Amino acid sequence: MIKHGDVRIKISLATSIKYGNYKHLQNDAKHVFNWIRHYWNDFKEWFDFDNDVEFHVRPVRGGAHGWYRSKQKRIEIDPRYGPKKILDTIAHELVHAEQYKQGRLAWDSKKLVSLWNGKFHKRGTTHQQYLDLPWEVEARERSAEFVKAMRKKYNLS
């Protein structure tokens, strides 16, 4: 837990970073936690997500930079990237948190399909099919807008 004003932000660190093979990422993880605290008000202004969303820092496999686990309300963030990519990843996953919160995106575990605005969508088998999913298109567009706005607001290069 980190405190930001009156808000307590749920954070956690993977055991592999605390004690295991990824101990060398502890400093990078601290940076991620600091960025979450720094951008918290901006995140809340831009995205409609619950305050109990947990930010979990861990190495993510498979080429992803992070993901949102809707049942746990947990965003997993890989600390091995630079500040811009991590900020983009957090924003991207916050869009998914918003989509689930608002009921626009859901997972049907019986049919193994996603529901997007009430319509069934298969996840696809190729990377391009994944990129073309409507919730992913929205998340990429909005996270890119957020990063651009933050770079301008905070005069970042």
C-alpha atoms as a PDB file:
ATOM      1  CA  MET A   1       0.000   0.000   0.000  1.00  0.00           C
ATOM      2  CA  ILE A   2       1.207   3.493  -0.770  1.00  0.00           C
ATOM      3  CA  LYS A   3      -0.487   6.634   0.354  1.00  0.00           C
ATOM      4  CA  HIS A   4      -1.402   9.488  -1.967  1.00  0.00           C
ATOM      5  CA  GLY A   5      -3.153  12.204  -0.011  1.00  0.00           C
ATOM      6  CA  ASP A   6      -6.157  10.553   1.595  1.00  0.00           C
ATOM      7  CA  VAL A   7      -6.133   7.634  -0.854  1.00  0.00           C
ATOM      8  CA  ARG A   8      -4.396   4.341  -0.214  1.00  0.00           C
ATOM      9  CA  ILE A   9      -3.193   2.779  -3.463  1.00  0.00           C
ATOM     10  CA  LYS A  10      -2.929  -1.003  -3.494  1.00  0.00           C
ATOM     11  CA  ILE A  11       0.467  -2.091  -4.754  1.00  0.00           C
ATOM     12  CA  SER A  12       2.323  -5.358  -4.583  1.00  0.00           C
ATOM     13  CA  LEU A  13       5.637  -6.757  -5.696  1.00  0.00           C
ATOM     14  CA  ALA A  14       6.251 -10.216  -7.103  1.00  0.00           C
ATOM     15  CA  THR A  15       8.107 -12.635  -4.871  1.00  0.00           C
ATOM     16  CA  SER A  16      10.562 -13.204  -7.724  1.00  0.00           C
ATOM     17  CA  ILE A  17      11.584  -9.523  -7.476  1.00  0.00           C
ATOM     18  CA  LYS A  18      11.617  -9.451  -3.682  1.00  0.00           C
ATOM     19  CA  TYR A  19      13.620 -12.622  -3.121  1.00  0.00           C
ATOM     20  CA  GLY A  20      14.185 -14.573  -6.323  1.00  0.00           C
ATOM     21  CA  ASN A  21      15.797 -14.484  -9.727  1.00  0.00           C
ATOM     22  CA  TYR A  22      14.615 -10.924 -10.442  1.00  0.00           C
ATOM     23  CA  LYS A  23      15.999  -9.131  -7.374  1.00  0.00           C
ATOM     24  CA  HIS A  24      17.944  -6.887  -9.743  1.00  0.00           C
ATOM     25  CA  LEU A  25      14.573  -5.310 -10.734  1.00  0.00           C
ATOM     26  CA  GLN A  26      13.838  -3.936  -7.243  1.00  0.00           C
ATOM     27  CA  ASN A  27      14.976  -0.419  -8.145  1.00  0.00           C
ATOM     28  CA  ASP A  28      12.933  -0.478 -11.369  1.00  0.00           C
ATOM     29  CA  ALA A  29       9.892  -1.602  -9.354  1.00  0.00           C
ATOM     30  CA  LYS A  30      10.358   1.341  -6.977  1.00  0.00           C
ATOM     31  CA  HIS A  31      10.287   3.653  -9.982  1.00  0.00           C
ATOM     32  CA  VAL A  32       7.005   2.084 -11.129  1.00  0.00           C
ATOM     33  CA  PHE A  33       5.473   2.632  -7.682  1.00  0.00           C
ATOM     34  CA  ASN A  34       6.665   6.259  -7.701  1.00  0.00           C
ATOM     35  CA  TRP A  35       5.155   6.829 -11.158  1.00  0.00           C
ATOM     36  CA  ILE A  36       1.824   5.382 -10.006  1.00  0.00           C
ATOM     37  CA  ARG A  37       1.828   7.794  -7.071  1.00  0.00           C
ATOM     38  CA  HIS A  38       2.948  10.727  -9.244  1.00  0.00           C
ATOM     39  CA  TYR A  39       0.313  10.170 -11.963  1.00  0.00           C
ATOM     40  CA  TRP A  40      -2.497   9.022  -9.644  1.00  0.00           C
ATOM     41  CA  ASN A  41      -4.623  12.172  -9.975  1.00  0.00           C
ATOM     42  CA  ASP A  42      -4.128  12.120 -13.748  1.00  0.00           C
ATOM     43  CA  PHE A  43      -5.148   8.460 -13.916  1.00  0.00           C
ATOM     44  CA  LYS A  44      -8.289   9.221 -11.905  1.00  0.00           C
ATOM     45  CA  GLU A  45      -9.110  12.189 -14.138  1.00  0.00           C
ATOM     46  CA  TRP A  46      -8.693  10.253 -17.387  1.00  0.00           C
ATOM     47  CA  PHE A  47      -9.994   6.794 -16.484  1.00  0.00           C
ATOM     48  CA  ASP A  48     -13.061   5.509 -14.624  1.00  0.00           C
ATOM     49  CA  PHE A  49     -11.673   2.733 -12.430  1.00  0.00           C
ATOM     50  CA  ASP A  50     -12.272   1.590  -8.869  1.00  0.00           C
ATOM     51  CA  ASN A  51      -9.896   2.719  -6.123  1.00  0.00           C
ATOM     52  CA  ASP A  52      -9.381  -0.892  -5.089  1.00  0.00           C
ATOM     53  CA  VAL A  53      -7.573  -1.832  -8.305  1.00  0.00           C
ATOM     54  CA  GLU A  54      -4.246  -3.362  -7.326  1.00  0.00           C
ATOM     55  CA  PHE A  55      -1.020  -2.553  -9.148  1.00  0.00           C
ATOM     56  CA  HIS A  56       1.249  -5.608  -9.133  1.00  0.00           C
ATOM     57  CA  VAL A  57       4.809  -5.312 -10.428  1.00  0.00           C
ATOM     58  CA  ARG A  58       6.259  -8.503 -11.865  1.00  0.00           C
ATOM     59  CA  PRO A  59       8.114  -9.816 -14.901  1.00  0.00           C
ATOM     60  CA  VAL A  60       5.493 -10.553 -17.561  1.00  0.00           C
ATOM     61  CA  ARG A  61       6.128 -13.303 -20.072  1.00  0.00           C
ATOM     62  CA  GLY A  62       5.115 -13.645 -23.682  1.00  0.00           C
ATOM     63  CA  GLY A  63       5.991 -10.222 -25.042  1.00  0.00           C
ATOM     64  CA  ALA A  64       3.272  -8.373 -23.119  1.00  0.00           C
ATOM     65  CA  HIS A  65       4.206  -5.343 -21.020  1.00  0.00           C
ATOM     66  CA  GLY A  66       1.336  -5.901 -18.619  1.00  0.00           C
ATOM     67  CA  TRP A  67      -2.251  -7.006 -18.350  1.00  0.00           C
ATOM     68  CA  TYR A  68      -5.448  -6.531 -16.415  1.00  0.00           C
ATOM     69  CA  ARG A  69      -6.944  -9.409 -14.443  1.00  0.00           C
ATOM     70  CA  SER A  70     -10.605  -8.478 -14.113  1.00  0.00           C
ATOM     71  CA  LYS A  71     -11.625 -10.997 -11.433  1.00  0.00           C
ATOM     72  CA  GLN A  72      -8.862  -9.813  -9.098  1.00  0.00           C
ATOM     73  CA  LYS A  73      -9.069  -6.155 -10.211  1.00  0.00           C
ATOM     74  CA  ARG A  74      -5.323  -6.358 -10.679  1.00  0.00           C
ATOM     75  CA  ILE A  75      -3.033  -4.639 -13.146  1.00  0.00           C
ATOM     76  CA  GLU A  76       0.255  -6.445 -13.667  1.00  0.00           C
ATOM     77  CA  ILE A  77       3.130  -4.297 -14.869  1.00  0.00           C
ATOM     78  CA  ASP A  78       6.544  -5.414 -16.068  1.00  0.00           C
ATOM     79  CA  PRO A  79       9.224  -3.038 -14.708  1.00  0.00           C
ATOM     80  CA  ARG A  80      11.819  -3.911 -17.363  1.00  0.00           C
ATOM     81  CA  TYR A  81      10.803  -1.119 -19.738  1.00  0.00           C
ATOM     82  CA  GLY A  82      11.384   2.607 -19.867  1.00  0.00           C
ATOM     83  CA  PRO A  83       9.148   5.246 -18.279  1.00  0.00           C
ATOM     84  CA  LYS A  84       7.144   6.025 -21.435  1.00  0.00           C
ATOM     85  CA  LYS A  85       6.324   2.353 -22.118  1.00  0.00           C
ATOM     86  CA  ILE A  86       5.417   1.715 -18.470  1.00  0.00           C
ATOM     87  CA  LEU A  87       3.180   4.793 -18.356  1.00  0.00           C
ATOM     88  CA  ASP A  88       1.539   3.670 -21.606  1.00  0.00           C
ATOM     89  CA  THR A  89       1.082   0.152 -20.200  1.00  0.00           C
ATOM     90  CA  ILE A  90      -0.525   1.366 -16.982  1.00  0.00           C
ATOM     91  CA  ALA A  91      -2.871   3.652 -18.935  1.00  0.00           C
ATOM     92  CA  HIS A  92      -3.709   0.835 -21.381  1.00  0.00           C
ATOM     93  CA  GLU A  93      -4.591  -1.529 -18.543  1.00  0.00           C
ATOM     94  CA  LEU A  94      -6.605   1.179 -16.763  1.00  0.00           C
ATOM     95  CA  VAL A  95      -8.729   1.456 -19.905  1.00  0.00           C
ATOM     96  CA  HIS A  96      -9.458  -2.265 -19.552  1.00  0.00           C
ATOM     97  CA  ALA A  97     -10.294  -1.756 -15.859  1.00  0.00           C
ATOM     98  CA  GLU A  98     -12.742   0.946 -16.943  1.00  0.00           C
ATOM     99  CA  GLN A  99     -14.228  -1.257 -19.683  1.00  0.00           C
ATOM    100  CA  TYR A 100     -14.910  -4.037 -17.173  1.00  0.00           C
ATOM    101  CA  LYS A 101     -16.216  -1.638 -14.511  1.00  0.00           C
ATOM    102  CA  GLN A 102     -18.655  -0.056 -16.948  1.00  0.00           C
ATOM    103  CA  GLY A 103     -19.797  -3.459 -18.223  1.00  0.00           C
ATOM    104  CA  ARG A 104     -18.659  -2.812 -21.775  1.00  0.00           C
ATOM    105  CA  LEU A 105     -16.196  -5.723 -21.626  1.00  0.00           C
ATOM    106  CA  ALA A 106     -16.806  -9.093 -19.971  1.00  0.00           C
ATOM    107  CA  TRP A 107     -15.498 -12.630 -20.198  1.00  0.00           C
ATOM    108  CA  ASP A 108     -17.909 -15.529 -20.646  1.00  0.00           C
ATOM    109  CA  SER A 109     -16.037 -18.427 -19.051  1.00  0.00           C
ATOM    110  CA  LYS A 110     -18.622 -20.979 -20.185  1.00  0.00           C
ATOM    111  CA  LYS A 111     -18.437 -20.044 -23.854  1.00  0.00           C
ATOM    112  CA  LEU A 112     -14.783 -18.921 -23.658  1.00  0.00           C
ATOM    113  CA  VAL A 113     -15.508 -15.695 -25.503  1.00  0.00           C
ATOM    114  CA  SER A 114     -15.409 -12.024 -24.663  1.00  0.00           C
ATOM    115  CA  LEU A 115     -18.489  -9.844 -24.615  1.00  0.00           C
ATOM    116  CA  TRP A 116     -17.915  -6.363 -25.970  1.00  0.00           C
ATOM    117  CA  ASN A 117     -20.919  -4.067 -25.677  1.00  0.00           C
ATOM    118  CA  GLY A 118     -23.167  -7.128 -25.557  1.00  0.00           C
ATOM    119  CA  LYS A 119     -21.703  -8.873 -28.624  1.00  0.00           C
ATOM    120  CA  PHE A 120     -19.640 -12.054 -28.521  1.00  0.00           C
ATOM    121  CA  HIS A 121     -16.063 -11.885 -29.814  1.00  0.00           C
ATOM    122  CA  LYS A 122     -13.575 -14.705 -30.105  1.00  0.00           C
ATOM    123  CA  ARG A 123     -10.092 -13.752 -28.991  1.00  0.00           C
ATOM    124  CA  GLY A 124      -8.464 -14.785 -32.264  1.00  0.00           C
ATOM    125  CA  THR A 125      -5.364 -16.832 -32.873  1.00  0.00           C
ATOM    126  CA  THR A 126      -2.967 -14.331 -34.438  1.00  0.00           C
ATOM    127  CA  HIS A 127      -1.354 -11.222 -33.061  1.00  0.00           C
ATOM    128  CA  GLN A 128      -3.115  -9.109 -35.704  1.00  0.00           C
ATOM    129  CA  GLN A 129      -6.505 -10.513 -34.693  1.00  0.00           C
ATOM    130  CA  TYR A 130      -5.681  -9.592 -31.092  1.00  0.00           C
ATOM    131  CA  LEU A 131      -4.680  -6.060 -32.121  1.00  0.00           C
ATOM    132  CA  ASP A 132      -7.952  -5.658 -34.044  1.00  0.00           C
ATOM    133  CA  LEU A 133     -10.193  -6.514 -31.082  1.00  0.00           C
ATOM    134  CA  PRO A 134     -12.311  -3.417 -30.395  1.00  0.00           C
ATOM    135  CA  TRP A 135     -11.381  -3.186 -26.692  1.00  0.00           C
ATOM    136  CA  GLU A 136      -7.695  -3.361 -27.598  1.00  0.00           C
ATOM    137  CA  VAL A 137      -8.062  -0.658 -30.251  1.00  0.00           C
ATOM    138  CA  GLU A 138      -9.732   1.609 -27.697  1.00  0.00           C
ATOM    139  CA  ALA A 139      -7.096   0.868 -25.042  1.00  0.00           C
ATOM    140  CA  ARG A 140      -4.201   1.611 -27.425  1.00  0.00           C
ATOM    141  CA  GLU A 141      -5.761   4.851 -28.667  1.00  0.00           C
ATOM    142  CA  ARG A 142      -6.647   6.189 -25.227  1.00  0.00           C
ATOM    143  CA  SER A 143      -3.347   5.225 -23.611  1.00  0.00           C
ATOM    144  CA  ALA A 144      -1.444   6.942 -26.436  1.00  0.00           C
ATOM    145  CA  GLU A 145      -3.554  10.093 -25.929  1.00  0.00           C
ATOM    146  CA  PHE A 146      -2.867   9.953 -22.185  1.00  0.00           C
ATOM    147  CA  VAL A 147       0.901   9.600 -22.618  1.00  0.00           C
ATOM    148  CA  LYS A 148       0.946  12.463 -25.119  1.00  0.00           C
ATOM    149  CA  ALA A 149      -1.023  14.681 -22.724  1.00  0.00           C
ATOM    150  CA  MET A 150       1.236  13.787 -19.783  1.00  0.00           C
ATOM    151  CA  ARG A 151       4.375  14.508 -21.795  1.00  0.00           C
ATOM    152  CA  LYS A 152       2.968  17.927 -22.601  1.00  0.00           C
ATOM    153  CA  LYS A 153       1.624  18.610 -19.074  1.00  0.00           C
ATOM    154  CA  TYR A 154       4.880  17.675 -17.360  1.00  0.00           C
ATOM    155  CA  ASN A 155       7.189  18.880 -20.157  1.00  0.00           C
ATOM    156  CA  LEU A 156       8.711  15.437 -20.729  1.00  0.00           C
ATOM    157  CA  SER A 157      10.738  14.577 -23.817  1.00  0.00           C
END
